[in-house]
């Protein structure tokens, strides 16, 4: 299954980035898969949902995520993130500060999808 893809939820198209249980190598692949797909969309049109649950990140992945997230800012209307716990929360805070983006955090994928479907 693709880890970076559009899904439909309650009539809304949501771009899903699945970092759940990713290895460091997989994380780079997800970023590469997502980059062109998001940037091919009209500005301020993409609803993104990122599942970080159990994913593994190192400083290189964190740097790539910061760049990826900042570069996608013009295309993203609203972003939701699920599964940020423990040390990931520190990395997530760094991404948030670097990009100056607002992310809505959730503990549950369905709640995040419902939130995005209402946007």
PDB file of N, CA and C in Angstrom:
ATOM      1  N   UNK A   1       0.836  -1.187   0.000  1.00  0.00           N
ATOM      2  CA  UNK A   1       0.000   0.000   0.000  1.00  0.00           C
ATOM      3  C   UNK A   1       0.881   1.251   0.000  1.00  0.00           C
ATOM      4  N   UNK A   2       0.484   2.205  -0.800  1.00  0.00           N
ATOM      5  CA  UNK A   2       1.226   3.462  -0.843  1.00  0.00           C
ATOM      6  C   UNK A   2       1.092   4.184   0.492  1.00  0.00           C
ATOM      7  N   UNK A   3       2.182   4.764   0.924  1.00  0.00           N
ATOM      8  CA  UNK A   3       2.173   5.493   2.197  1.00  0.00           C
ATOM      9  C   UNK A   3       1.862   6.974   2.004  1.00  0.00           C
ATOM     10  N   UNK A   4       1.828   7.449   0.789  1.00  0.00           N
ATOM     11  CA  UNK A   4       1.488   8.845   0.495  1.00  0.00           C
ATOM     12  C   UNK A   4       0.474   8.830  -0.640  1.00  0.00           C
ATOM     13  N   UNK A   5      -0.775   9.152  -0.292  1.00  0.00           N
ATOM     14  CA  UNK A   5      -1.831   9.023  -1.290  1.00  0.00           C
ATOM     15  C   UNK A   5      -3.053   9.855  -0.883  1.00  0.00           C
ATOM     16  N   UNK A   6      -3.900  10.113  -1.855  1.00  0.00           N
ATOM     17  CA  UNK A   6      -5.178  10.751  -1.568  1.00  0.00           C
ATOM     18  C   UNK A   6      -6.183   9.690  -1.143  1.00  0.00           C
ATOM     19  N   UNK A   7      -6.972  10.041  -0.139  1.00  0.00           N
ATOM     20  CA  UNK A   7      -8.077   9.201   0.302  1.00  0.00           C
ATOM     21  C   UNK A   7      -9.330  10.068   0.304  1.00  0.00           C
ATOM     22  N   UNK A   8     -10.486   9.438   0.290  1.00  0.00           N
ATOM     23  CA  UNK A   8     -11.750  10.168   0.376  1.00  0.00           C
ATOM     24  C   UNK A   8     -12.400   9.861   1.712  1.00  0.00           C
ATOM     25  N   UNK A   9     -12.926  10.915   2.335  1.00  0.00           N
ATOM     26  CA  UNK A   9     -13.635  10.740   3.605  1.00  0.00           C
ATOM     27  C   UNK A   9     -14.788  11.732   3.644  1.00  0.00           C
ATOM     28  N   UNK A  10     -15.980  11.209   3.685  1.00  0.00           N
ATOM     29  CA  UNK A  10     -17.190  12.032   3.747  1.00  0.00           C
ATOM     30  C   UNK A  10     -17.218  13.088   2.651  1.00  0.00           C
ATOM     31  N   UNK A  11     -16.829  12.677   1.463  1.00  0.00           N
ATOM     32  CA  UNK A  11     -16.880  13.567   0.309  1.00  0.00           C
ATOM     33  C   UNK A  11     -15.706  14.519   0.165  1.00  0.00           C
ATOM     34  N   UNK A  12     -14.756  14.452   1.056  1.00  0.00           N
ATOM     35  CA  UNK A  12     -13.570  15.318   0.976  1.00  0.00           C
ATOM     36  C   UNK A  12     -12.357  14.496   0.573  1.00  0.00           C
ATOM     37  N   UNK A  13     -11.515  15.104  -0.198  1.00  0.00           N
ATOM     38  CA  UNK A  13     -10.266  14.482  -0.635  1.00  0.00           C
ATOM     39  C   UNK A  13      -9.167  14.915   0.336  1.00  0.00           C
ATOM     40  N   UNK A  14      -8.535  13.928   0.956  1.00  0.00           N
ATOM     41  CA  UNK A  14      -7.520  14.177   1.981  1.00  0.00           C
ATOM     42  C   UNK A  14      -6.231  13.500   1.560  1.00  0.00           C
ATOM     43  N   UNK A  15      -5.121  14.228   1.657  1.00  0.00           N
ATOM     44  CA  UNK A  15      -3.832  13.618   1.347  1.00  0.00           C
ATOM     45  C   UNK A  15      -3.284  12.987   2.617  1.00  0.00           C
ATOM     46  N   UNK A  16      -3.100  11.663   2.568  1.00  0.00           N
ATOM     47  CA  UNK A  16      -2.696  10.878   3.727  1.00  0.00           C
ATOM     48  C   UNK A  16      -1.222  10.505   3.622  1.00  0.00           C
ATOM     49  N   UNK A  17      -0.453  10.896   4.641  1.00  0.00           N
ATOM     50  CA  UNK A  17       0.963  10.523   4.746  1.00  0.00           C
ATOM     51  C   UNK A  17       1.078   9.545   5.904  1.00  0.00           C
ATOM     52  N   UNK A  18       1.435   8.319   5.598  1.00  0.00           N
ATOM     53  CA  UNK A  18       1.452   7.266   6.605  1.00  0.00           C
ATOM     54  C   UNK A  18       2.881   6.925   7.013  1.00  0.00           C
ATOM     55  N   UNK A  19       3.312   7.535   8.120  1.00  0.00           N
ATOM     56  CA  UNK A  19       4.630   7.251   8.675  1.00  0.00           C
ATOM     57  C   UNK A  19       4.548   6.196   9.778  1.00  0.00           C
ATOM     58  N   UNK A  20       3.380   5.596   9.964  1.00  0.00           N
ATOM     59  CA  UNK A  20       3.214   4.638  11.060  1.00  0.00           C
ATOM     60  C   UNK A  20       4.156   3.453  10.879  1.00  0.00           C
ATOM     61  N   UNK A  21       4.869   3.155  11.944  1.00  0.00           N
ATOM     62  CA  UNK A  21       5.816   2.036  11.973  1.00  0.00           C
ATOM     63  C   UNK A  21       6.847   2.096  10.852  1.00  0.00           C
ATOM     64  N   UNK A  22       7.148   3.296  10.378  1.00  0.00           N
ATOM     65  CA  UNK A  22       8.152   3.497   9.323  1.00  0.00           C
ATOM     66  C   UNK A  22       9.562   3.322   9.868  1.00  0.00           C
ATOM     67  N   UNK A  23      10.409   2.753   9.037  1.00  0.00           N
ATOM     68  CA  UNK A  23      11.838   2.808   9.314  1.00  0.00           C
ATOM     69  C   UNK A  23      12.330   4.171   8.844  1.00  0.00           C
ATOM     70  N   UNK A  24      13.544   4.486   9.171  1.00  0.00           N
ATOM     71  CA  UNK A  24      14.121   5.754   8.713  1.00  0.00           C
ATOM     72  C   UNK A  24      14.140   5.803   7.188  1.00  0.00           C
ATOM     73  N   UNK A  25      14.513   4.701   6.550  1.00  0.00           N
ATOM     74  CA  UNK A  25      14.553   4.654   5.084  1.00  0.00           C
ATOM     75  C   UNK A  25      13.156   4.851   4.497  1.00  0.00           C
ATOM     76  N   UNK A  26      12.154   4.208   5.119  1.00  0.00           N
ATOM     77  CA  UNK A  26      10.778   4.365   4.648  1.00  0.00           C
ATOM     78  C   UNK A  26      10.316   5.813   4.753  1.00  0.00           C
ATOM     79  N   UNK A  27      10.724   6.496   5.807  1.00  0.00           N
ATOM     80  CA  UNK A  27      10.306   7.886   6.000  1.00  0.00           C
ATOM     81  C   UNK A  27      10.768   8.761   4.838  1.00  0.00           C
ATOM     82  N   UNK A  28      11.996   8.555   4.384  1.00  0.00           N
ATOM     83  CA  UNK A  28      12.482   9.316   3.227  1.00  0.00           C
ATOM     84  C   UNK A  28      11.631   9.020   1.995  1.00  0.00           C
ATOM     85  N   UNK A  29      11.233   7.767   1.825  1.00  0.00           N
ATOM     86  CA  UNK A  29      10.407   7.385   0.677  1.00  0.00           C
ATOM     87  C   UNK A  29       9.039   8.051   0.728  1.00  0.00           C
ATOM     88  N   UNK A  30       8.445   8.109   1.910  1.00  0.00           N
ATOM     89  CA  UNK A  30       7.137   8.754   2.055  1.00  0.00           C
ATOM     90  C   UNK A  30       7.237  10.225   1.658  1.00  0.00           C
ATOM     91  N   UNK A  31       8.265  10.888   2.116  1.00  0.00           N
ATOM     92  CA  UNK A  31       8.458  12.304   1.790  1.00  0.00           C
ATOM     93  C   UNK A  31       8.589  12.488   0.284  1.00  0.00           C
ATOM     94  N   UNK A  32       9.382  11.649  -0.351  1.00  0.00           N
ATOM     95  CA  UNK A  32       9.572  11.757  -1.801  1.00  0.00           C
ATOM     96  C   UNK A  32       8.277  11.478  -2.552  1.00  0.00           C
ATOM     97  N   UNK A  33       7.523  10.457  -2.117  1.00  0.00           N
ATOM     98  CA  UNK A  33       6.238  10.141  -2.749  1.00  0.00           C
ATOM     99  C   UNK A  33       5.283  11.327  -2.657  1.00  0.00           C
ATOM    100  N   UNK A  34       5.274  11.973  -1.518  1.00  0.00           N
ATOM    101  CA  UNK A  34       4.304  13.035  -1.254  1.00  0.00           C
ATOM    102  C   UNK A  34       4.625  14.350  -1.945  1.00  0.00           C
ATOM    103  N   UNK A  35       5.899  14.644  -2.079  1.00  0.00           N
ATOM    104  CA  UNK A  35       6.318  15.964  -2.566  1.00  0.00           C
ATOM    105  C   UNK A  35       5.598  16.377  -3.855  1.00  0.00           C
ATOM    106  N   UNK A  36       5.749  15.601  -4.900  1.00  0.00           N
ATOM    107  CA  UNK A  36       5.186  15.992  -6.190  1.00  0.00           C
ATOM    108  C   UNK A  36       3.665  15.953  -6.200  1.00  0.00           C
ATOM    109  N   UNK A  37       3.094  14.999  -5.468  1.00  0.00           N
ATOM    110  CA  UNK A  37       1.633  14.901  -5.442  1.00  0.00           C
ATOM    111  C   UNK A  37       1.010  16.152  -4.822  1.00  0.00           C
ATOM    112  N   UNK A  38       1.564  16.607  -3.726  1.00  0.00           N
ATOM    113  CA  UNK A  38       1.019  17.795  -3.063  1.00  0.00           C
ATOM    114  C   UNK A  38       1.248  19.034  -3.914  1.00  0.00           C
ATOM    115  N   UNK A  39       2.416  19.165  -4.458  1.00  0.00           N
ATOM    116  CA  UNK A  39       2.753  20.379  -5.215  1.00  0.00           C
ATOM    117  C   UNK A  39       2.085  20.453  -6.580  1.00  0.00           C
ATOM    118  N   UNK A  40       1.443  19.378  -6.999  1.00  0.00           N
ATOM    119  CA  UNK A  40       0.717  19.414  -8.269  1.00  0.00           C
ATOM    120  C   UNK A  40      -0.712  19.933  -8.081  1.00  0.00           C
ATOM    121  N   UNK A  41      -1.086  20.210  -6.840  1.00  0.00           N
ATOM    122  CA  UNK A  41      -2.438  20.676  -6.527  1.00  0.00           C
ATOM    123  C   UNK A  41      -2.483  22.207  -6.483  1.00  0.00           C
ATOM    124  N   UNK A  42      -3.677  22.777  -6.625  1.00  0.00           N
ATOM    125  CA  UNK A  42      -3.798  24.236  -6.502  1.00  0.00           C
ATOM    126  C   UNK A  42      -3.397  24.708  -5.101  1.00  0.00           C
ATOM    127  N   UNK A  43      -2.925  25.928  -5.021  1.00  0.00           N
ATOM    128  CA  UNK A  43      -2.533  26.488  -3.728  1.00  0.00           C
ATOM    129  C   UNK A  43      -3.730  26.560  -2.788  1.00  0.00           C
ATOM    130  N   UNK A  44      -3.449  26.370  -1.500  1.00  0.00           N
ATOM    131  CA  UNK A  44      -4.447  26.420  -0.425  1.00  0.00           C
ATOM    132  C   UNK A  44      -5.610  25.452  -0.638  1.00  0.00           C
ATOM    133  N   UNK A  45      -5.329  24.288  -1.243  1.00  0.00           N
ATOM    134  CA  UNK A  45      -6.412  23.347  -1.522  1.00  0.00           C
ATOM    135  C   UNK A  45      -6.261  21.990  -0.841  1.00  0.00           C
ATOM    136  N   UNK A  46      -5.082  21.657  -0.357  1.00  0.00           N
ATOM    137  CA  UNK A  46      -4.825  20.300   0.120  1.00  0.00           C
ATOM    138  C   UNK A  46      -5.101  20.178   1.620  1.00  0.00           C
ATOM    139  N   UNK A  47      -5.897  19.193   1.957  1.00  0.00           N
ATOM    140  CA  UNK A  47      -6.121  18.803   3.347  1.00  0.00           C
ATOM    141  C   UNK A  47      -5.162  17.650   3.609  1.00  0.00           C
ATOM    142  N   UNK A  48      -4.280  17.783   4.582  1.00  0.00           N
ATOM    143  CA  UNK A  48      -3.314  16.715   4.835  1.00  0.00           C
ATOM    144  C   UNK A  48      -3.575  16.050   6.180  1.00  0.00           C
ATOM    145  N   UNK A  49      -3.356  14.745   6.183  1.00  0.00           N
ATOM    146  CA  UNK A  49      -3.456  13.943   7.399  1.00  0.00           C
ATOM    147  C   UNK A  49      -2.186  13.113   7.496  1.00  0.00           C
ATOM    148  N   UNK A  50      -1.426  13.337   8.549  1.00  0.00           N
ATOM    149  CA  UNK A  50      -0.172  12.617   8.762  1.00  0.00           C
ATOM    150  C   UNK A  50      -0.316  11.696   9.960  1.00  0.00           C
ATOM    151  N   UNK A  51      -0.033  10.410   9.729  1.00  0.00           N
ATOM    152  CA  UNK A  51      -0.024   9.433  10.812  1.00  0.00           C
ATOM    153  C   UNK A  51       1.428   9.167  11.181  1.00  0.00           C
ATOM    154  N   UNK A  52       1.834   9.638  12.355  1.00  0.00           N
ATOM    155  CA  UNK A  52       3.220   9.477  12.808  1.00  0.00           C
ATOM    156  C   UNK A  52       3.377   8.325  13.789  1.00  0.00           C
ATOM    157  N   UNK A  53       2.310   7.630  14.096  1.00  0.00           N
ATOM    158  CA  UNK A  53       2.320   6.599  15.126  1.00  0.00           C
ATOM    159  C   UNK A  53       3.368   5.521  14.936  1.00  0.00           C
ATOM    160  N   UNK A  54       4.310   5.462  15.847  1.00  0.00           N
ATOM    161  CA  UNK A  54       5.328   4.418  15.823  1.00  0.00           C
ATOM    162  C   UNK A  54       6.417   4.607  14.797  1.00  0.00           C
ATOM    163  N   UNK A  55       6.387   5.717  14.073  1.00  0.00           N
ATOM    164  CA  UNK A  55       7.419   5.976  13.073  1.00  0.00           C
ATOM    165  C   UNK A  55       8.754   6.294  13.721  1.00  0.00           C
ATOM    166  N   UNK A  56       9.832   6.000  13.006  1.00  0.00           N
ATOM    167  CA  UNK A  56      11.170   6.283  13.522  1.00  0.00           C
ATOM    168  C   UNK A  56      11.769   7.435  12.731  1.00  0.00           C
ATOM    169  N   UNK A  57      12.377   8.366  13.462  1.00  0.00           N
ATOM    170  CA  UNK A  57      12.951   9.549  12.847  1.00  0.00           C
ATOM    171  C   UNK A  57      14.319   9.811  13.443  1.00  0.00           C
ATOM    172  N   UNK A  58      15.240  10.245  12.595  1.00  0.00           N
ATOM    173  CA  UNK A  58      16.538  10.703  13.086  1.00  0.00           C
ATOM    174  C   UNK A  58      16.704  12.152  12.647  1.00  0.00           C
ATOM    175  N   UNK A  59      17.867  12.735  12.895  1.00  0.00           N
ATOM    176  CA  UNK A  59      18.059  14.156  12.575  1.00  0.00           C
ATOM    177  C   UNK A  59      17.963  14.419  11.075  1.00  0.00           C
ATOM    178  N   UNK A  60      18.389  13.479  10.248  1.00  0.00           N
ATOM    179  CA  UNK A  60      18.308  13.664   8.796  1.00  0.00           C
ATOM    180  C   UNK A  60      16.852  13.658   8.336  1.00  0.00           C
ATOM    181  N   UNK A  61      16.058  12.753   8.875  1.00  0.00           N
ATOM    182  CA  UNK A  61      14.635  12.712   8.534  1.00  0.00           C
ATOM    183  C   UNK A  61      13.951  13.977   9.038  1.00  0.00           C
ATOM    184  N   UNK A  62      14.278  14.396  10.235  1.00  0.00           N
ATOM    185  CA  UNK A  62      13.694  15.616  10.790  1.00  0.00           C
ATOM    186  C   UNK A  62      13.989  16.814   9.894  1.00  0.00           C
ATOM    187  N   UNK A  63      15.214  16.944   9.446  1.00  0.00           N
ATOM    188  CA  UNK A  63      15.577  18.051   8.558  1.00  0.00           C
ATOM    189  C   UNK A  63      14.793  17.982   7.251  1.00  0.00           C
ATOM    190  N   UNK A  64      14.677  16.788   6.690  1.00  0.00           N
ATOM    191  CA  UNK A  64      13.934  16.605   5.439  1.00  0.00           C
ATOM    192  C   UNK A  64      12.452  16.933   5.649  1.00  0.00           C
ATOM    193  N   UNK A  65      11.907  16.525   6.783  1.00  0.00           N
ATOM    194  CA  UNK A  65      10.510  16.842   7.089  1.00  0.00           C
ATOM    195  C   UNK A  65      10.289  18.343   7.240  1.00  0.00           C
ATOM    196  N   UNK A  66      11.212  19.023   7.878  1.00  0.00           N
ATOM    197  CA  UNK A  66      11.095  20.476   8.030  1.00  0.00           C
ATOM    198  C   UNK A  66      11.080  21.152   6.662  1.00  0.00           C
ATOM    199  N   UNK A  67      11.995  20.776   5.790  1.00  0.00           N
ATOM    200  CA  UNK A  67      12.056  21.370   4.449  1.00  0.00           C
ATOM    201  C   UNK A  67      10.798  21.043   3.648  1.00  0.00           C
ATOM    202  N   UNK A  68      10.397  19.781   3.687  1.00  0.00           N
ATOM    203  CA  UNK A  68       9.213  19.314   2.971  1.00  0.00           C
ATOM    204  C   UNK A  68       7.974  20.083   3.431  1.00  0.00           C
ATOM    205  N   UNK A  69       7.800  20.202   4.733  1.00  0.00           N
ATOM    206  CA  UNK A  69       6.632  20.866   5.294  1.00  0.00           C
ATOM    207  C   UNK A  69       6.621  22.351   4.952  1.00  0.00           C
ATOM    208  N   UNK A  70       7.753  22.991   5.063  1.00  0.00           N
ATOM    209  CA  UNK A  70       7.832  24.421   4.734  1.00  0.00           C
ATOM    210  C   UNK A  70       7.538  24.655   3.253  1.00  0.00           C
ATOM    211  N   UNK A  71       8.124  23.832   2.384  1.00  0.00           N
ATOM    212  CA  UNK A  71       7.926  23.998   0.945  1.00  0.00           C
ATOM    213  C   UNK A  71       6.490  23.714   0.510  1.00  0.00           C
ATOM    214  N   UNK A  72       5.765  22.915   1.276  1.00  0.00           N
ATOM    215  CA  UNK A  72       4.379  22.594   0.938  1.00  0.00           C
ATOM    216  C   UNK A  72       3.377  23.608   1.469  1.00  0.00           C
ATOM    217  N   UNK A  73       3.822  24.531   2.276  1.00  0.00           N
ATOM    218  CA  UNK A  73       2.922  25.480   2.919  1.00  0.00           C
ATOM    219  C   UNK A  73       1.950  26.149   1.948  1.00  0.00           C
ATOM    220  N   UNK A  74       2.377  26.612   0.781  1.00  0.00           N
ATOM    221  CA  UNK A  74       1.422  27.293  -0.103  1.00  0.00           C
ATOM    222  C   UNK A  74       0.267  26.411  -0.580  1.00  0.00           C
ATOM    223  N   UNK A  75       0.452  25.112  -0.576  1.00  0.00           N
ATOM    224  CA  UNK A  75      -0.539  24.198  -1.131  1.00  0.00           C
ATOM    225  C   UNK A  75      -1.518  23.662  -0.091  1.00  0.00           C
ATOM    226  N   UNK A  76      -1.157  23.760   1.177  1.00  0.00           N
ATOM    227  CA  UNK A  76      -1.938  23.124   2.238  1.00  0.00           C
ATOM    228  C   UNK A  76      -2.964  24.092   2.822  1.00  0.00           C
ATOM    229  N   UNK A  77      -4.207  23.653   2.813  1.00  0.00           N
ATOM    230  CA  UNK A  77      -5.290  24.427   3.414  1.00  0.00           C
ATOM    231  C   UNK A  77      -5.339  24.174   4.920  1.00  0.00           C
ATOM    232  N   UNK A  78      -5.336  22.904   5.312  1.00  0.00           N
ATOM    233  CA  UNK A  78      -5.397  22.514   6.717  1.00  0.00           C
ATOM    234  C   UNK A  78      -4.630  21.212   6.896  1.00  0.00           C
ATOM    235  N   UNK A  79      -3.942  21.092   8.037  1.00  0.00           N
ATOM    236  CA  UNK A  79      -3.144  19.893   8.311  1.00  0.00           C
ATOM    237  C   UNK A  79      -3.525  19.297   9.659  1.00  0.00           C
ATOM    238  N   UNK A  80      -3.679  17.975   9.659  1.00  0.00           N
ATOM    239  CA  UNK A  80      -3.942  17.243  10.897  1.00  0.00           C
ATOM    240  C   UNK A  80      -2.864  16.180  11.064  1.00  0.00           C
ATOM    241  N   UNK A  81      -2.495  15.934  12.322  1.00  0.00           N
ATOM    242  CA  UNK A  81      -1.454  14.955  12.633  1.00  0.00           C
ATOM    243  C   UNK A  81      -1.972  14.034  13.735  1.00  0.00           C
ATOM    244  N   UNK A  82      -1.688  12.743  13.572  1.00  0.00           N
ATOM    245  CA  UNK A  82      -2.108  11.724  14.535  1.00  0.00           C
ATOM    246  C   UNK A  82      -0.888  10.941  14.994  1.00  0.00           C
ATOM    247  N   UNK A  83      -0.875  10.564  16.267  1.00  0.00           N
ATOM    248  CA  UNK A  83       0.137   9.634  16.757  1.00  0.00           C
ATOM    249  C   UNK A  83       1.445  10.236  17.210  1.00  0.00           C
ATOM    250  N   UNK A  84       1.463  11.514  17.516  1.00  0.00           N
ATOM    251  CA  UNK A  84       2.693  12.157  17.982  1.00  0.00           C
ATOM    252  C   UNK A  84       2.806  11.937  19.487  1.00  0.00           C
ATOM    253  N   UNK A  85       3.803  11.148  19.884  1.00  0.00           N
ATOM    254  CA  UNK A  85       4.002  10.837  21.301  1.00  0.00           C
ATOM    255  C   UNK A  85       5.485  10.859  21.643  1.00  0.00           C
ATOM    256  N   UNK A  86       5.774  10.948  22.919  1.00  0.00           N
ATOM    257  CA  UNK A  86       7.150  10.841  23.406  1.00  0.00           C
ATOM    258  C   UNK A  86       8.106  11.793  22.719  1.00  0.00           C
ATOM    259  N   UNK A  87       9.238  11.251  22.272  1.00  0.00           N
ATOM    260  CA  UNK A  87      10.259  12.066  21.616  1.00  0.00           C
ATOM    261  C   UNK A  87       9.776  12.671  20.306  1.00  0.00           C
ATOM    262  N   UNK A  88       8.799  12.026  19.684  1.00  0.00           N
ATOM    263  CA  UNK A  88       8.245  12.593  18.455  1.00  0.00           C
ATOM    264  C   UNK A  88       7.664  13.981  18.705  1.00  0.00           C
ATOM    265  N   UNK A  89       7.145  14.210  19.892  1.00  0.00           N
ATOM    266  CA  UNK A  89       6.547  15.517  20.174  1.00  0.00           C
ATOM    267  C   UNK A  89       7.591  16.624  20.142  1.00  0.00           C
ATOM    268  N   UNK A  90       8.816  16.306  20.513  1.00  0.00           N
ATOM    269  CA  UNK A  90       9.903  17.288  20.428  1.00  0.00           C
ATOM    270  C   UNK A  90      10.209  17.588  18.966  1.00  0.00           C
ATOM    271  N   UNK A  91      10.299  16.539  18.154  1.00  0.00           N
ATOM    272  CA  UNK A  91      10.552  16.717  16.720  1.00  0.00           C
ATOM    273  C   UNK A  91       9.411  17.492  16.071  1.00  0.00           C
ATOM    274  N   UNK A  92       8.188  17.159  16.446  1.00  0.00           N
ATOM    275  CA  UNK A  92       7.022  17.839  15.899  1.00  0.00           C
ATOM    276  C   UNK A  92       7.034  19.324  16.255  1.00  0.00           C
ATOM    277  N   UNK A  93       7.412  19.644  17.475  1.00  0.00           N
ATOM    278  CA  UNK A  93       7.520  21.048  17.892  1.00  0.00           C
ATOM    279  C   UNK A  93       8.564  21.782  17.068  1.00  0.00           C
ATOM    280  N   UNK A  94       9.667  21.115  16.765  1.00  0.00           N
ATOM    281  CA  UNK A  94      10.712  21.730  15.939  1.00  0.00           C
ATOM    282  C   UNK A  94      10.189  22.017  14.536  1.00  0.00           C
ATOM    283  N   UNK A  95       9.444  21.084  13.974  1.00  0.00           N
ATOM    284  CA  UNK A  95       8.865  21.292  12.641  1.00  0.00           C
ATOM    285  C   UNK A  95       7.881  22.452  12.684  1.00  0.00           C
ATOM    286  N   UNK A  96       7.042  22.478  13.696  1.00  0.00           N
ATOM    287  CA  UNK A  96       6.043  23.546  13.842  1.00  0.00           C
ATOM    288  C   UNK A  96       6.723  24.917  13.951  1.00  0.00           C
ATOM    289  N   UNK A  97       7.779  25.004  14.751  1.00  0.00           N
ATOM    290  CA  UNK A  97       8.482  26.278  14.918  1.00  0.00           C
ATOM    291  C   UNK A  97       9.200  26.691  13.635  1.00  0.00           C
ATOM    292  N   UNK A  98       9.860  25.749  12.974  1.00  0.00           N
ATOM    293  CA  UNK A  98      10.609  26.043  11.756  1.00  0.00           C
ATOM    294  C   UNK A  98       9.692  26.523  10.635  1.00  0.00           C
ATOM    295  N   UNK A  99       8.547  25.876  10.488  1.00  0.00           N
ATOM    296  CA  UNK A  99       7.654  26.182   9.372  1.00  0.00           C
ATOM    297  C   UNK A  99       6.628  27.260   9.694  1.00  0.00           C
ATOM    298  N   UNK A 100       6.440  27.534  10.995  1.00  0.00           N
ATOM    299  CA  UNK A 100       5.419  28.479  11.443  1.00  0.00           C
ATOM    300  C   UNK A 100       4.027  28.071  10.944  1.00  0.00           C
ATOM    301  N   UNK A 101       3.829  26.756  10.872  1.00  0.00           N
ATOM    302  CA  UNK A 101       2.552  26.206  10.427  1.00  0.00           C
ATOM    303  C   UNK A 101       1.715  25.785  11.619  1.00  0.00           C
ATOM    304  N   UNK A 102       0.414  25.828  11.425  1.00  0.00           N
ATOM    305  CA  UNK A 102      -0.515  25.357  12.444  1.00  0.00           C
ATOM    306  C   UNK A 102      -0.960  23.944  12.077  1.00  0.00           C
ATOM    307  N   UNK A 103      -0.791  23.013  12.998  1.00  0.00           N
ATOM    308  CA  UNK A 103      -1.221  21.634  12.804  1.00  0.00           C
ATOM    309  C   UNK A 103      -2.249  21.303  13.876  1.00  0.00           C
ATOM    310  N   UNK A 104      -3.270  20.588  13.492  1.00  0.00           N
ATOM    311  CA  UNK A 104      -4.275  20.125  14.440  1.00  0.00           C
ATOM    312  C   UNK A 104      -3.895  18.701  14.820  1.00  0.00           C
ATOM    313  N   UNK A 105      -3.706  18.450  16.108  1.00  0.00           N
ATOM    314  CA  UNK A 105      -3.262  17.132  16.551  1.00  0.00           C
ATOM    315  C   UNK A 105      -4.435  16.328  17.116  1.00  0.00           C
ATOM    316  N   UNK A 106      -4.397  15.035  16.836  1.00  0.00           N
ATOM    317  CA  UNK A 106      -5.449  14.122  17.263  1.00  0.00           C
ATOM    318  C   UNK A 106      -4.828  12.825  17.752  1.00  0.00           C
ATOM    319  N   UNK A 107      -5.586  12.116  18.586  1.00  0.00           N
ATOM    320  CA  UNK A 107      -5.162  10.801  19.064  1.00  0.00           C
ATOM    321  C   UNK A 107      -5.726   9.682  18.201  1.00  0.00           C
ATOM    322  N   UNK A 108      -6.664  10.010  17.341  1.00  0.00           N
ATOM    323  CA  UNK A 108      -7.417   9.004  16.601  1.00  0.00           C
ATOM    324  C   UNK A 108      -7.543   9.412  15.129  1.00  0.00           C
ATOM    325  N   UNK A 109      -7.283   8.474  14.216  1.00  0.00           N
ATOM    326  CA  UNK A 109      -7.357   8.767  12.782  1.00  0.00           C
ATOM    327  C   UNK A 109      -8.760   9.191  12.354  1.00  0.00           C
ATOM    328  N   UNK A 110      -9.773   8.511  12.847  1.00  0.00           N
ATOM    329  CA  UNK A 110     -11.136   8.834  12.429  1.00  0.00           C
ATOM    330  C   UNK A 110     -11.541  10.241  12.858  1.00  0.00           C
ATOM    331  N   UNK A 111     -11.159  10.642  14.047  1.00  0.00           N
ATOM    332  CA  UNK A 111     -11.461  12.006  14.501  1.00  0.00           C
ATOM    333  C   UNK A 111     -10.743  13.032  13.633  1.00  0.00           C
ATOM    334  N   UNK A 112      -9.516  12.741  13.259  1.00  0.00           N
ATOM    335  CA  UNK A 112      -8.761  13.649  12.390  1.00  0.00           C
ATOM    336  C   UNK A 112      -9.406  13.734  11.012  1.00  0.00           C
ATOM    337  N   UNK A 113      -9.825  12.602  10.472  1.00  0.00           N
ATOM    338  CA  UNK A 113     -10.502  12.596   9.168  1.00  0.00           C
ATOM    339  C   UNK A 113     -11.800  13.393   9.234  1.00  0.00           C
ATOM    340  N   UNK A 114     -12.566  13.182  10.298  1.00  0.00           N
ATOM    341  CA  UNK A 114     -13.824  13.921  10.454  1.00  0.00           C
ATOM    342  C   UNK A 114     -13.568  15.423  10.536  1.00  0.00           C
ATOM    343  N   UNK A 115     -12.536  15.816  11.278  1.00  0.00           N
ATOM    344  CA  UNK A 115     -12.183  17.232  11.373  1.00  0.00           C
ATOM    345  C   UNK A 115     -11.872  17.795   9.984  1.00  0.00           C
ATOM    346  N   UNK A 116     -11.023  17.097   9.238  1.00  0.00           N
ATOM    347  CA  UNK A 116     -10.640  17.577   7.907  1.00  0.00           C
ATOM    348  C   UNK A 116     -11.834  17.603   6.955  1.00  0.00           C
ATOM    349  N   UNK A 117     -12.725  16.636   7.080  1.00  0.00           N
ATOM    350  CA  UNK A 117     -13.910  16.607   6.219  1.00  0.00           C
ATOM    351  C   UNK A 117     -14.800  17.821   6.457  1.00  0.00           C
ATOM    352  N   UNK A 118     -14.698  18.414   7.638  1.00  0.00           N
ATOM    353  CA  UNK A 118     -15.476  19.607   7.951  1.00  0.00           C
ATOM    354  C   UNK A 118     -14.831  20.905   7.502  1.00  0.00           C
ATOM    355  N   UNK A 119     -13.654  20.834   6.935  1.00  0.00           N
ATOM    356  CA  UNK A 119     -12.933  22.050   6.509  1.00  0.00           C
ATOM    357  C   UNK A 119     -13.328  22.472   5.103  1.00  0.00           C
TER     358      UNK A 119
END
